[in-house]
């Protein structure tokens, strides 16, 4: 899926970790590679509101602070 075609709702947040961009669109969580090809990797329980990101050398985490 191309980056411009991410579905699920508005872009709520983006975070780069190494060569991967993580994007939350609505409730959908995507990973985007350097060719701008997006892969749906999961969903979260909310569809709106800001996202907070954390990372270290090997992991990335996010929260919408609702639960």
C-alpha atoms as a PDB file:
ATOM      1  CA  UNK A   1       0.000   0.000   0.000  1.00  0.00           C
ATOM      2  CA  UNK A   2       1.410   3.403  -0.936  1.00  0.00           C
ATOM      3  CA  UNK A   3       1.828   5.988   1.806  1.00  0.00           C
ATOM      4  CA  UNK A   4      -0.733   8.325   0.232  1.00  0.00           C
ATOM      5  CA  UNK A   5      -3.347   5.558   0.397  1.00  0.00           C
ATOM      6  CA  UNK A   6      -3.246   4.856   4.129  1.00  0.00           C
ATOM      7  CA  UNK A   7      -6.786   4.289   5.264  1.00  0.00           C
ATOM      8  CA  UNK A   8      -8.462   4.174   8.619  1.00  0.00           C
ATOM      9  CA  UNK A   9      -8.821   7.888   9.272  1.00  0.00           C
ATOM     10  CA  UNK A  10      -6.677  10.930   9.807  1.00  0.00           C
ATOM     11  CA  UNK A  11      -2.958  10.545  10.445  1.00  0.00           C
ATOM     12  CA  UNK A  12      -2.663  10.683  14.239  1.00  0.00           C
ATOM     13  CA  UNK A  13       1.061  10.288  14.541  1.00  0.00           C
ATOM     14  CA  UNK A  14       4.300   9.255  12.854  1.00  0.00           C
ATOM     15  CA  UNK A  15       7.624   8.080  14.268  1.00  0.00           C
ATOM     16  CA  UNK A  16      10.879   7.050  12.572  1.00  0.00           C
ATOM     17  CA  UNK A  17      12.949   4.189  14.003  1.00  0.00           C
ATOM     18  CA  UNK A  18      16.053   3.323  11.959  1.00  0.00           C
ATOM     19  CA  UNK A  19      14.870   2.762   8.353  1.00  0.00           C
ATOM     20  CA  UNK A  20      11.182   2.343   9.254  1.00  0.00           C
ATOM     21  CA  UNK A  21       8.471   4.959   9.643  1.00  0.00           C
ATOM     22  CA  UNK A  22       5.561   4.001  11.894  1.00  0.00           C
ATOM     23  CA  UNK A  23       2.227   5.688  11.199  1.00  0.00           C
ATOM     24  CA  UNK A  24      -1.070   5.569  13.046  1.00  0.00           C
ATOM     25  CA  UNK A  25      -4.028   6.435  10.843  1.00  0.00           C
ATOM     26  CA  UNK A  26      -7.348   6.259  12.679  1.00  0.00           C
ATOM     27  CA  UNK A  27      -7.051   2.958  14.565  1.00  0.00           C
ATOM     28  CA  UNK A  28      -4.649   1.378  12.045  1.00  0.00           C
ATOM     29  CA  UNK A  29      -0.922   1.006  12.736  1.00  0.00           C
ATOM     30  CA  UNK A  30       1.395   0.833   9.721  1.00  0.00           C
ATOM     31  CA  UNK A  31       5.084   0.347   9.081  1.00  0.00           C
ATOM     32  CA  UNK A  32       6.453   2.196   6.057  1.00  0.00           C
ATOM     33  CA  UNK A  33       9.734   1.211   4.415  1.00  0.00           C
ATOM     34  CA  UNK A  34      12.232   3.362   2.518  1.00  0.00           C
ATOM     35  CA  UNK A  35      10.331   2.727  -0.741  1.00  0.00           C
ATOM     36  CA  UNK A  36       7.237   4.302   0.922  1.00  0.00           C
ATOM     37  CA  UNK A  37       5.425   0.968   0.858  1.00  0.00           C
ATOM     38  CA  UNK A  38       3.101   0.669   3.864  1.00  0.00           C
ATOM     39  CA  UNK A  39       2.117  -2.526   5.668  1.00  0.00           C
ATOM     40  CA  UNK A  40      -0.733  -2.756   8.172  1.00  0.00           C
ATOM     41  CA  UNK A  41       0.811  -4.258  11.322  1.00  0.00           C
ATOM     42  CA  UNK A  42      -2.061  -3.902  13.780  1.00  0.00           C
ATOM     43  CA  UNK A  43      -4.839  -1.798  15.228  1.00  0.00           C
ATOM     44  CA  UNK A  44      -5.475   0.130  18.438  1.00  0.00           C
ATOM     45  CA  UNK A  45      -8.693   0.729  20.360  1.00  0.00           C
ATOM     46  CA  UNK A  46      -9.235   4.400  19.528  1.00  0.00           C
ATOM     47  CA  UNK A  47      -9.698   6.317  16.284  1.00  0.00           C
ATOM     48  CA  UNK A  48      -8.905   9.898  17.285  1.00  0.00           C
ATOM     49  CA  UNK A  49      -6.619  11.924  19.499  1.00  0.00           C
ATOM     50  CA  UNK A  50      -2.870  12.387  19.730  1.00  0.00           C
ATOM     51  CA  UNK A  51      -0.311   9.588  20.014  1.00  0.00           C
ATOM     52  CA  UNK A  52       2.779   9.603  22.251  1.00  0.00           C
ATOM     53  CA  UNK A  53       5.863   7.711  21.059  1.00  0.00           C
ATOM     54  CA  UNK A  54       8.839   6.200  22.898  1.00  0.00           C
ATOM     55  CA  UNK A  55      11.809   4.293  21.527  1.00  0.00           C
ATOM     56  CA  UNK A  56      15.213   2.860  22.287  1.00  0.00           C
ATOM     57  CA  UNK A  57      17.830   1.326  19.987  1.00  0.00           C
ATOM     58  CA  UNK A  58      15.690  -1.682  19.017  1.00  0.00           C
ATOM     59  CA  UNK A  59      12.062  -1.067  19.994  1.00  0.00           C
ATOM     60  CA  UNK A  60       9.322   1.483  19.482  1.00  0.00           C
ATOM     61  CA  UNK A  61       6.196   1.904  21.604  1.00  0.00           C
ATOM     62  CA  UNK A  62       3.220   4.236  21.492  1.00  0.00           C
ATOM     63  CA  UNK A  63       0.249   5.198  23.597  1.00  0.00           C
ATOM     64  CA  UNK A  64      -2.934   7.169  23.169  1.00  0.00           C
ATOM     65  CA  UNK A  65      -3.142   7.464  27.003  1.00  0.00           C
ATOM     66  CA  UNK A  66      -6.764   6.266  27.121  1.00  0.00           C
ATOM     67  CA  UNK A  67      -6.433   2.883  28.877  1.00  0.00           C
END
